[in-house]
Amino acid sequence: MHGTLPHRAKELNEARSLLPAAFHRSPSKRLRNGAIGAALIAPLVYGAVVFGVTPARLVEGLSRLGGILSFMFPPHVWTTWQEWSEVLAGLGETVVMAFLGTLLGAVASLPLAFLGAKNIMPLSWLRLLSRRGFDALRAVEQIILALIFIRAFGLGPLAGILAIAVSEIGTFAKLFAEAIENTSRRPVDGVKASGGSQFQAIRYGILPQSLPVILSIILYNFESNARSGTILGIVGAGGIGFLLADRMHAFRWPEAWSIIFLIIATVYIIDAVSNTLRHRLI
């Protein structure tokens, strides 16, 4: 074994002489790597200085957070059906709000997706205009839309449903258009070769290919909207978020944590059901 060490050192020296760039970084590369590292670290340092992030503040905040987390166990258990019914009704309201908002967004998005699909819409200017419209809808956060609709329609789940639906139109239309674009051309050519119209080519050639992906996207976004529906409730759109905000404002942390646990359990159930449906569809 010791006899091979000089031989390996000789091979290493030969490799260095043949490929010096592989063993030594040039000054330009070192400068570039240093610039990349500085570009990554500079925002952290700037944010810490501007936002007043200090070790003392972090320690104090972590100690307070530990005090809040200490209320997690044991969680509060409601003892009367009236208390349980209020919480369960809020959970059901959030799930229904997410379902209806997702459904309305999907129904409105499907015809719009054909305007943004390259293999359906030949007019590039209309396709580009449609795509930018989708981006504009996706750029506005659901919570901002909820505040707007609360101002227009008042407090309650209606504002949350409309906020989810409008936000999902932009997301669904973009994802549906991409799913339609990624379909194979052969079924479409087969329908047209048989004398079918453009509508029949879309109905029998494109939709059967893209529909499983579209349904999978809808299920995934429904699961996501069930979570975001809680945040919309906090700003006044009803549902379990309203009850959670009420408990937190009153510093009733044991009840707040119990509600959070129920939200997590509900999301787990929705996730399990949607995963099963997605596997069957795809």
C-alpha atoms as a PDB file:
ATOM      1  CA  MET A   1       0.000   0.000   0.000  1.00  0.00           C
ATOM      2  CA  HIS A   2       2.825   2.370   0.895  1.00  0.00           C
ATOM      3  CA  GLY A   3       4.462   1.622  -2.441  1.00  0.00           C
ATOM      4  CA  THR A   4       1.506   2.983  -4.331  1.00  0.00           C
ATOM      5  CA  LEU A   5       1.567   6.413  -2.671  1.00  0.00           C
ATOM      6  CA  PRO A   6       4.514   7.795  -4.699  1.00  0.00           C
ATOM      7  CA  HIS A   7       2.909   6.412  -7.845  1.00  0.00           C
ATOM      8  CA  ARG A   8      -0.382   8.164  -7.059  1.00  0.00           C
ATOM      9  CA  ALA A   9       1.432  11.401  -6.273  1.00  0.00           C
ATOM     10  CA  LYS A  10       3.186  11.169  -9.609  1.00  0.00           C
ATOM     11  CA  GLU A  11      -0.136  10.629 -11.405  1.00  0.00           C
ATOM     12  CA  LEU A  12      -1.620  13.565  -9.541  1.00  0.00           C
ATOM     13  CA  ASN A  13       1.252  15.844 -10.563  1.00  0.00           C
ATOM     14  CA  GLU A  14       0.904  14.726 -14.179  1.00  0.00           C
ATOM     15  CA  ALA A  15      -2.832  15.453 -14.082  1.00  0.00           C
ATOM     16  CA  ARG A  16      -2.155  18.898 -12.648  1.00  0.00           C
ATOM     17  CA  SER A  17       0.305  19.641 -15.409  1.00  0.00           C
ATOM     18  CA  LEU A  18      -2.151  18.512 -18.083  1.00  0.00           C
ATOM     19  CA  LEU A  19      -5.268  20.147 -16.584  1.00  0.00           C
ATOM     20  CA  PRO A  20      -4.169  23.049 -14.389  1.00  0.00           C
ATOM     21  CA  ALA A  21      -7.590  24.692 -14.542  1.00  0.00           C
ATOM     22  CA  ALA A  22      -9.185  21.689 -12.831  1.00  0.00           C
ATOM     23  CA  PHE A  23      -6.957  22.070  -9.743  1.00  0.00           C
ATOM     24  CA  HIS A  24      -6.517  25.837  -9.473  1.00  0.00           C
ATOM     25  CA  ARG A  25      -9.253  28.409  -9.731  1.00  0.00           C
ATOM     26  CA  SER A  26      -8.411  31.435 -11.776  1.00  0.00           C
ATOM     27  CA  PRO A  27      -8.615  34.913 -10.181  1.00  0.00           C
ATOM     28  CA  SER A  28     -11.686  35.687 -12.282  1.00  0.00           C
ATOM     29  CA  LYS A  29     -13.483  32.598 -10.932  1.00  0.00           C
ATOM     30  CA  ARG A  30     -12.525  33.442  -7.357  1.00  0.00           C
ATOM     31  CA  LEU A  31     -13.759  36.989  -7.881  1.00  0.00           C
ATOM     32  CA  ARG A  32     -17.023  35.734  -9.380  1.00  0.00           C
ATOM     33  CA  ASN A  33     -17.618  33.302  -6.502  1.00  0.00           C
ATOM     34  CA  GLY A  34     -16.855  36.037  -4.002  1.00  0.00           C
ATOM     35  CA  ALA A  35     -19.312  38.379  -5.733  1.00  0.00           C
ATOM     36  CA  ILE A  36     -22.032  35.716  -5.660  1.00  0.00           C
ATOM     37  CA  GLY A  37     -21.431  35.087  -1.962  1.00  0.00           C
ATOM     38  CA  ALA A  38     -21.537  38.819  -1.215  1.00  0.00           C
ATOM     39  CA  ALA A  39     -24.753  39.194  -3.224  1.00  0.00           C
ATOM     40  CA  LEU A  40     -26.349  36.469  -1.091  1.00  0.00           C
ATOM     41  CA  ILE A  41     -25.096  37.760   2.245  1.00  0.00           C
ATOM     42  CA  ALA A  42     -25.657  41.489   1.644  1.00  0.00           C
ATOM     43  CA  PRO A  43     -29.510  41.322   1.718  1.00  0.00           C
ATOM     44  CA  LEU A  44     -29.363  39.400   5.004  1.00  0.00           C
ATOM     45  CA  VAL A  45     -27.075  41.975   6.597  1.00  0.00           C
ATOM     46  CA  TYR A  46     -29.114  44.860   5.190  1.00  0.00           C
ATOM     47  CA  GLY A  47     -32.383  43.340   6.426  1.00  0.00           C
ATOM     48  CA  ALA A  48     -30.945  42.703   9.881  1.00  0.00           C
ATOM     49  CA  VAL A  49     -29.796  46.330  10.185  1.00  0.00           C
ATOM     50  CA  VAL A  50     -32.916  47.967   8.713  1.00  0.00           C
ATOM     51  CA  PHE A  51     -35.450  45.765  10.527  1.00  0.00           C
ATOM     52  CA  GLY A  52     -33.659  45.930  13.841  1.00  0.00           C
ATOM     53  CA  VAL A  53     -32.845  42.234  14.124  1.00  0.00           C
ATOM     54  CA  THR A  54     -30.542  41.891  17.121  1.00  0.00           C
ATOM     55  CA  PRO A  55     -29.511  38.862  19.206  1.00  0.00           C
ATOM     56  CA  ALA A  56     -31.314  40.307  22.243  1.00  0.00           C
ATOM     57  CA  ARG A  57     -34.521  40.734  20.252  1.00  0.00           C
ATOM     58  CA  LEU A  58     -34.293  37.187  18.910  1.00  0.00           C
ATOM     59  CA  VAL A  59     -33.768  35.734  22.379  1.00  0.00           C
ATOM     60  CA  GLU A  60     -36.688  37.716  23.784  1.00  0.00           C
ATOM     61  CA  GLY A  61     -38.934  36.701  20.896  1.00  0.00           C
ATOM     62  CA  LEU A  62     -38.026  33.027  21.223  1.00  0.00           C
ATOM     63  CA  SER A  63     -38.791  33.108  24.952  1.00  0.00           C
ATOM     64  CA  ARG A  64     -42.215  34.621  24.265  1.00  0.00           C
ATOM     65  CA  LEU A  65     -42.815  32.074  21.520  1.00  0.00           C
ATOM     66  CA  GLY A  66     -41.964  29.314  23.959  1.00  0.00           C
ATOM     67  CA  GLY A  67     -44.563  30.699  26.367  1.00  0.00           C
ATOM     68  CA  ILE A  68     -47.222  30.677  23.633  1.00  0.00           C
ATOM     69  CA  LEU A  69     -46.298  27.155  22.541  1.00  0.00           C
ATOM     70  CA  SER A  70     -46.565  25.977  26.142  1.00  0.00           C
ATOM     71  CA  PHE A  71     -50.337  26.402  25.838  1.00  0.00           C
ATOM     72  CA  MET A  72     -50.450  23.689  23.160  1.00  0.00           C
ATOM     73  CA  PHE A  73     -50.555  20.880  25.685  1.00  0.00           C
ATOM     74  CA  PRO A  74     -52.904  19.883  27.000  1.00  0.00           C
ATOM     75  CA  PRO A  75     -55.196  21.246  24.267  1.00  0.00           C
ATOM     76  CA  HIS A  76     -58.561  22.617  25.243  1.00  0.00           C
ATOM     77  CA  VAL A  77     -61.464  20.196  24.894  1.00  0.00           C
ATOM     78  CA  TRP A  78     -64.936  21.653  24.575  1.00  0.00           C
ATOM     79  CA  THR A  79     -67.460  19.995  26.861  1.00  0.00           C
ATOM     80  CA  THR A  80     -70.803  21.045  25.377  1.00  0.00           C
ATOM     81  CA  TRP A  81     -72.329  20.358  21.989  1.00  0.00           C
ATOM     82  CA  GLN A  82     -73.006  24.070  21.524  1.00  0.00           C
ATOM     83  CA  GLU A  83     -69.260  24.794  21.671  1.00  0.00           C
ATOM     84  CA  TRP A  84     -68.406  21.885  19.364  1.00  0.00           C
ATOM     85  CA  SER A  85     -71.124  22.822  16.893  1.00  0.00           C
ATOM     86  CA  GLU A  86     -69.744  26.350  16.578  1.00  0.00           C
ATOM     87  CA  VAL A  87     -66.244  25.077  15.795  1.00  0.00           C
ATOM     88  CA  LEU A  88     -67.409  22.309  13.448  1.00  0.00           C
ATOM     89  CA  ALA A  89     -69.713  24.737  11.639  1.00  0.00           C
ATOM     90  CA  GLY A  90     -66.745  27.064  11.125  1.00  0.00           C
ATOM     91  CA  LEU A  91     -64.642  24.205   9.758  1.00  0.00           C
ATOM     92  CA  GLY A  92     -67.423  23.148   7.414  1.00  0.00           C
ATOM     93  CA  GLU A  93     -67.892  26.732   6.274  1.00  0.00           C
ATOM     94  CA  THR A  94     -64.201  27.014   5.394  1.00  0.00           C
ATOM     95  CA  VAL A  95     -64.206  23.729   3.449  1.00  0.00           C
ATOM     96  CA  VAL A  96     -67.367  24.693   1.542  1.00  0.00           C
ATOM     97  CA  MET A  97     -65.925  28.140   0.836  1.00  0.00           C
ATOM     98  CA  ALA A  98     -62.766  26.550  -0.589  1.00  0.00           C
ATOM     99  CA  PHE A  99     -64.781  24.021  -2.609  1.00  0.00           C
ATOM    100  CA  LEU A 100     -67.144  26.560  -4.156  1.00  0.00           C
ATOM    101  CA  GLY A 101     -64.370  29.054  -4.873  1.00  0.00           C
ATOM    102  CA  THR A 102     -62.258  26.345  -6.520  1.00  0.00           C
ATOM    103  CA  LEU A 103     -65.219  25.053  -8.532  1.00  0.00           C
ATOM    104  CA  LEU A 104     -66.246  28.492  -9.783  1.00  0.00           C
ATOM    105  CA  GLY A 105     -62.669  29.319 -10.702  1.00  0.00           C
ATOM    106  CA  ALA A 106     -62.242  26.040 -12.604  1.00  0.00           C
ATOM    107  CA  VAL A 107     -65.503  26.418 -14.534  1.00  0.00           C
ATOM    108  CA  ALA A 108     -64.631  29.971 -15.582  1.00  0.00           C
ATOM    109  CA  SER A 109     -61.012  29.057 -16.409  1.00  0.00           C
ATOM    110  CA  LEU A 110     -61.562  26.153 -18.775  1.00  0.00           C
ATOM    111  CA  PRO A 111     -62.903  28.172 -21.749  1.00  0.00           C
ATOM    112  CA  LEU A 112     -60.328  30.911 -21.078  1.00  0.00           C
ATOM    113  CA  ALA A 113     -57.525  28.348 -21.173  1.00  0.00           C
ATOM    114  CA  PHE A 114     -58.219  27.654 -24.858  1.00  0.00           C
ATOM    115  CA  LEU A 115     -57.494  31.325 -25.597  1.00  0.00           C
ATOM    116  CA  GLY A 116     -54.026  30.950 -24.099  1.00  0.00           C
ATOM    117  CA  ALA A 117     -53.149  27.569 -25.635  1.00  0.00           C
ATOM    118  CA  LYS A 118     -50.769  27.743 -28.587  1.00  0.00           C
ATOM    119  CA  ASN A 119     -52.203  24.669 -30.314  1.00  0.00           C
ATOM    120  CA  ILE A 120     -55.766  26.048 -30.141  1.00  0.00           C
ATOM    121  CA  MET A 121     -55.495  29.814 -30.564  1.00  0.00           C
ATOM    122  CA  PRO A 122     -53.651  30.778 -33.792  1.00  0.00           C
ATOM    123  CA  LEU A 123     -53.798  34.536 -33.108  1.00  0.00           C
ATOM    124  CA  SER A 124     -50.594  35.299 -31.242  1.00  0.00           C
ATOM    125  CA  TRP A 125     -51.741  38.746 -30.059  1.00  0.00           C
ATOM    126  CA  LEU A 126     -54.907  37.328 -28.506  1.00  0.00           C
ATOM    127  CA  ARG A 127     -52.972  34.475 -26.927  1.00  0.00           C
ATOM    128  CA  LEU A 128     -50.422  36.893 -25.490  1.00  0.00           C
ATOM    129  CA  LEU A 129     -53.161  39.195 -24.214  1.00  0.00           C
ATOM    130  CA  SER A 130     -54.906  36.266 -22.544  1.00  0.00           C
ATOM    131  CA  ARG A 131     -51.703  35.085 -20.880  1.00  0.00           C
ATOM    132  CA  ARG A 132     -50.960  38.538 -19.493  1.00  0.00           C
ATOM    133  CA  GLY A 133     -54.511  38.694 -18.174  1.00  0.00           C
ATOM    134  CA  PHE A 134     -53.958  35.407 -16.358  1.00  0.00           C
ATOM    135  CA  ASP A 135     -50.759  36.823 -14.860  1.00  0.00           C
ATOM    136  CA  ALA A 136     -52.584  39.947 -13.700  1.00  0.00           C
ATOM    137  CA  LEU A 137     -55.196  37.884 -11.855  1.00  0.00           C
ATOM    138  CA  ARG A 138     -52.540  35.700 -10.250  1.00  0.00           C
ATOM    139  CA  ALA A 139     -50.546  38.747  -9.139  1.00  0.00           C
ATOM    140  CA  VAL A 140     -53.268  39.876  -6.714  1.00  0.00           C
ATOM    141  CA  GLU A 141     -53.215  37.929  -3.460  1.00  0.00           C
ATOM    142  CA  GLN A 142     -56.392  36.275  -2.228  1.00  0.00           C
ATOM    143  CA  ILE A 143     -56.336  38.236   1.007  1.00  0.00           C
ATOM    144  CA  ILE A 144     -56.369  41.528  -0.936  1.00  0.00           C
ATOM    145  CA  LEU A 145     -59.265  40.295  -3.057  1.00  0.00           C
ATOM    146  CA  ALA A 146     -61.064  39.216   0.114  1.00  0.00           C
ATOM    147  CA  LEU A 147     -60.717  42.693   1.612  1.00  0.00           C
ATOM    148  CA  ILE A 148     -62.100  44.202  -1.600  1.00  0.00           C
ATOM    149  CA  PHE A 149     -65.060  41.828  -1.715  1.00  0.00           C
ATOM    150  CA  ILE A 150     -65.736  42.287   2.011  1.00  0.00           C
ATOM    151  CA  ARG A 151     -66.014  46.012   1.329  1.00  0.00           C
ATOM    152  CA  ALA A 152     -68.407  45.321  -1.565  1.00  0.00           C
ATOM    153  CA  PHE A 153     -70.520  42.432  -0.229  1.00  0.00           C
ATOM    154  CA  GLY A 154     -69.997  42.634   3.524  1.00  0.00           C
ATOM    155  CA  LEU A 155     -68.574  40.147   5.993  1.00  0.00           C
ATOM    156  CA  GLY A 156     -69.115  36.455   5.440  1.00  0.00           C
ATOM    157  CA  PRO A 157     -68.181  33.483   3.251  1.00  0.00           C
ATOM    158  CA  LEU A 158     -69.427  35.095   0.021  1.00  0.00           C
ATOM    159  CA  ALA A 159     -66.416  37.412  -0.008  1.00  0.00           C
ATOM    160  CA  GLY A 160     -64.104  34.444   0.574  1.00  0.00           C
ATOM    161  CA  ILE A 161     -65.693  32.399  -2.205  1.00  0.00           C
ATOM    162  CA  LEU A 162     -65.343  35.250  -4.699  1.00  0.00           C
ATOM    163  CA  ALA A 163     -61.746  35.946  -3.629  1.00  0.00           C
ATOM    164  CA  ILE A 164     -60.749  32.314  -4.143  1.00  0.00           C
ATOM    165  CA  ALA A 165     -62.629  32.071  -7.435  1.00  0.00           C
ATOM    166  CA  VAL A 166     -61.102  35.207  -8.971  1.00  0.00           C
ATOM    167  CA  SER A 167     -57.608  34.266  -7.841  1.00  0.00           C
ATOM    168  CA  GLU A 168     -57.988  30.716  -9.157  1.00  0.00           C
ATOM    169  CA  ILE A 169     -59.157  31.908 -12.573  1.00  0.00           C
ATOM    170  CA  GLY A 170     -55.671  33.240 -13.258  1.00  0.00           C
ATOM    171  CA  THR A 171     -53.937  30.161 -11.866  1.00  0.00           C
ATOM    172  CA  PHE A 172     -56.231  27.585 -13.449  1.00  0.00           C
ATOM    173  CA  ALA A 173     -56.336  29.261 -16.848  1.00  0.00           C
ATOM    174  CA  LYS A 174     -52.533  29.278 -17.064  1.00  0.00           C
ATOM    175  CA  LEU A 175     -52.122  25.670 -15.883  1.00  0.00           C
ATOM    176  CA  PHE A 176     -55.009  24.407 -18.020  1.00  0.00           C
ATOM    177  CA  ALA A 177     -53.543  26.126 -21.094  1.00  0.00           C
ATOM    178  CA  GLU A 178     -50.193  24.436 -20.467  1.00  0.00           C
ATOM    179  CA  ALA A 179     -51.902  21.065 -20.044  1.00  0.00           C
ATOM    180  CA  ILE A 180     -53.735  21.566 -23.347  1.00  0.00           C
ATOM    181  CA  GLU A 181     -50.520  22.591 -25.113  1.00  0.00           C
ATOM    182  CA  ASN A 182     -48.724  19.450 -23.933  1.00  0.00           C
ATOM    183  CA  THR A 183     -51.215  17.078 -25.583  1.00  0.00           C
ATOM    184  CA  SER A 184     -50.295  14.937 -28.571  1.00  0.00           C
ATOM    185  CA  ARG A 185     -51.273  16.076 -32.060  1.00  0.00           C
ATOM    186  CA  ARG A 186     -52.008  12.575 -33.378  1.00  0.00           C
ATOM    187  CA  PRO A 187     -55.558  12.158 -31.951  1.00  0.00           C
ATOM    188  CA  VAL A 188     -56.475  15.604 -33.306  1.00  0.00           C
ATOM    189  CA  ASP A 189     -55.197  14.676 -36.761  1.00  0.00           C
ATOM    190  CA  GLY A 190     -57.138  11.416 -36.562  1.00  0.00           C
ATOM    191  CA  VAL A 191     -60.411  13.193 -35.786  1.00  0.00           C
ATOM    192  CA  LYS A 192     -59.882  15.707 -38.593  1.00  0.00           C
ATOM    193  CA  ALA A 193     -58.907  12.950 -41.045  1.00  0.00           C
ATOM    194  CA  SER A 194     -62.243  11.306 -40.264  1.00  0.00           C
ATOM    195  CA  GLY A 195     -64.072  14.471 -41.244  1.00  0.00           C
ATOM    196  CA  GLY A 196     -64.440  15.963 -37.774  1.00  0.00           C
ATOM    197  CA  SER A 197     -64.713  19.683 -37.130  1.00  0.00           C
ATOM    198  CA  GLN A 198     -62.378  21.799 -35.008  1.00  0.00           C
ATOM    199  CA  PHE A 199     -64.788  21.539 -32.074  1.00  0.00           C
ATOM    200  CA  GLN A 200     -64.905  17.753 -32.400  1.00  0.00           C
ATOM    201  CA  ALA A 201     -61.099  17.648 -32.583  1.00  0.00           C
ATOM    202  CA  ILE A 202     -60.942  19.510 -29.279  1.00  0.00           C
ATOM    203  CA  ARG A 203     -63.717  17.397 -27.733  1.00  0.00           C
ATOM    204  CA  TYR A 204     -62.394  13.971 -28.760  1.00  0.00           C
ATOM    205  CA  GLY A 205     -58.718  14.643 -29.428  1.00  0.00           C
ATOM    206  CA  ILE A 206     -57.524  17.128 -26.797  1.00  0.00           C
ATOM    207  CA  LEU A 207     -59.856  16.971 -23.813  1.00  0.00           C
ATOM    208  CA  PRO A 208     -59.439  13.211 -23.154  1.00  0.00           C
ATOM    209  CA  GLN A 209     -55.679  13.765 -22.928  1.00  0.00           C
ATOM    210  CA  SER A 210     -55.707  16.906 -20.808  1.00  0.00           C
ATOM    211  CA  LEU A 211     -58.708  16.220 -18.559  1.00  0.00           C
ATOM    212  CA  PRO A 212     -56.901  13.934 -16.043  1.00  0.00           C
ATOM    213  CA  VAL A 213     -54.184  16.563 -15.559  1.00  0.00           C
ATOM    214  CA  ILE A 214     -56.779  19.326 -15.268  1.00  0.00           C
ATOM    215  CA  LEU A 215     -58.730  17.411 -12.633  1.00  0.00           C
ATOM    216  CA  SER A 216     -55.521  16.732 -10.726  1.00  0.00           C
ATOM    217  CA  ILE A 217     -54.721  20.451 -10.722  1.00  0.00           C
ATOM    218  CA  ILE A 218     -58.220  21.247  -9.443  1.00  0.00           C
ATOM    219  CA  LEU A 219     -57.903  18.750  -6.589  1.00  0.00           C
ATOM    220  CA  TYR A 220     -54.507  20.053  -5.556  1.00  0.00           C
ATOM    221  CA  ASN A 221     -55.688  23.666  -5.557  1.00  0.00           C
ATOM    222  CA  PHE A 222     -58.789  22.736  -3.573  1.00  0.00           C
ATOM    223  CA  GLU A 223     -56.506  21.316  -0.898  1.00  0.00           C
ATOM    224  CA  SER A 224     -54.453  24.527  -0.954  1.00  0.00           C
ATOM    225  CA  ASN A 225     -57.561  26.718  -0.799  1.00  0.00           C
ATOM    226  CA  ALA A 226     -58.801  24.828   2.244  1.00  0.00           C
ATOM    227  CA  ARG A 227     -55.695  26.127   4.030  1.00  0.00           C
ATOM    228  CA  SER A 228     -55.828  29.654   2.641  1.00  0.00           C
ATOM    229  CA  GLY A 229     -59.534  29.831   3.483  1.00  0.00           C
ATOM    230  CA  THR A 230     -58.488  29.996   7.132  1.00  0.00           C
ATOM    231  CA  ILE A 231     -56.495  33.172   6.478  1.00  0.00           C
ATOM    232  CA  LEU A 232     -59.424  34.712   4.607  1.00  0.00           C
ATOM    233  CA  GLY A 233     -61.609  34.036   7.611  1.00  0.00           C
ATOM    234  CA  ILE A 234     -59.242  35.983   9.848  1.00  0.00           C
ATOM    235  CA  VAL A 235     -59.817  39.155   7.804  1.00  0.00           C
ATOM    236  CA  GLY A 236     -63.601  38.722   7.944  1.00  0.00           C
ATOM    237  CA  ALA A 237     -64.536  36.207   5.254  1.00  0.00           C
ATOM    238  CA  GLY A 238     -66.100  33.804   7.728  1.00  0.00           C
ATOM    239  CA  GLY A 239     -65.257  30.205   8.468  1.00  0.00           C
ATOM    240  CA  ILE A 240     -62.940  28.768  11.068  1.00  0.00           C
ATOM    241  CA  GLY A 241     -60.457  31.606  10.578  1.00  0.00           C
ATOM    242  CA  PHE A 242     -62.906  34.036  12.153  1.00  0.00           C
ATOM    243  CA  LEU A 243     -63.197  31.849  15.255  1.00  0.00           C
ATOM    244  CA  LEU A 244     -59.425  31.427  15.406  1.00  0.00           C
ATOM    245  CA  ALA A 245     -58.847  35.183  15.220  1.00  0.00           C
ATOM    246  CA  ASP A 246     -61.471  35.739  17.927  1.00  0.00           C
ATOM    247  CA  ARG A 247     -59.726  33.312  20.300  1.00  0.00           C
ATOM    248  CA  MET A 248     -56.297  34.781  19.602  1.00  0.00           C
ATOM    249  CA  HIS A 249     -57.460  38.362  20.141  1.00  0.00           C
ATOM    250  CA  ALA A 250     -58.949  37.326  23.482  1.00  0.00           C
ATOM    251  CA  PHE A 251     -55.683  35.516  24.413  1.00  0.00           C
ATOM    252  CA  ARG A 252     -57.575  32.240  24.753  1.00  0.00           C
ATOM    253  CA  TRP A 253     -54.555  30.325  23.508  1.00  0.00           C
ATOM    254  CA  PRO A 254     -55.611  26.807  24.583  1.00  0.00           C
ATOM    255  CA  GLU A 255     -58.773  27.109  22.472  1.00  0.00           C
ATOM    256  CA  ALA A 256     -56.807  28.681  19.620  1.00  0.00           C
ATOM    257  CA  TRP A 257     -54.381  25.757  19.554  1.00  0.00           C
ATOM    258  CA  SER A 258     -57.258  23.265  19.632  1.00  0.00           C
ATOM    259  CA  ILE A 259     -58.756  25.005  16.594  1.00  0.00           C
ATOM    260  CA  ILE A 260     -55.361  24.877  14.844  1.00  0.00           C
ATOM    261  CA  PHE A 261     -55.144  21.130  15.533  1.00  0.00           C
ATOM    262  CA  LEU A 262     -58.609  20.649  14.015  1.00  0.00           C
ATOM    263  CA  ILE A 263     -57.568  22.665  10.947  1.00  0.00           C
ATOM    264  CA  ILE A 264     -54.478  20.462  10.528  1.00  0.00           C
ATOM    265  CA  ALA A 265     -56.591  17.309  10.855  1.00  0.00           C
ATOM    266  CA  THR A 266     -59.053  18.627   8.266  1.00  0.00           C
ATOM    267  CA  VAL A 267     -56.231  19.429   5.827  1.00  0.00           C
ATOM    268  CA  TYR A 268     -54.808  15.920   6.337  1.00  0.00           C
ATOM    269  CA  ILE A 269     -58.175  14.370   5.494  1.00  0.00           C
ATOM    270  CA  ILE A 270     -58.594  16.531   2.383  1.00  0.00           C
ATOM    271  CA  ASP A 271     -55.027  15.740   1.332  1.00  0.00           C
ATOM    272  CA  ALA A 272     -55.574  11.981   1.714  1.00  0.00           C
ATOM    273  CA  VAL A 273     -58.823  12.037  -0.257  1.00  0.00           C
ATOM    274  CA  SER A 274     -57.427  14.241  -3.027  1.00  0.00           C
ATOM    275  CA  ASN A 275     -54.267  12.095  -3.312  1.00  0.00           C
ATOM    276  CA  THR A 276     -56.397   8.992  -3.748  1.00  0.00           C
ATOM    277  CA  LEU A 277     -58.495  10.671  -6.432  1.00  0.00           C
ATOM    278  CA  ARG A 278     -55.415  12.032  -8.226  1.00  0.00           C
ATOM    279  CA  HIS A 279     -53.802   8.585  -8.386  1.00  0.00           C
ATOM    280  CA  ARG A 280     -56.970   7.103  -9.825  1.00  0.00           C
ATOM    281  CA  LEU A 281     -57.323   9.872 -12.389  1.00  0.00           C
ATOM    282  CA  ILE A 282     -53.731   9.892 -13.587  1.00  0.00           C
END
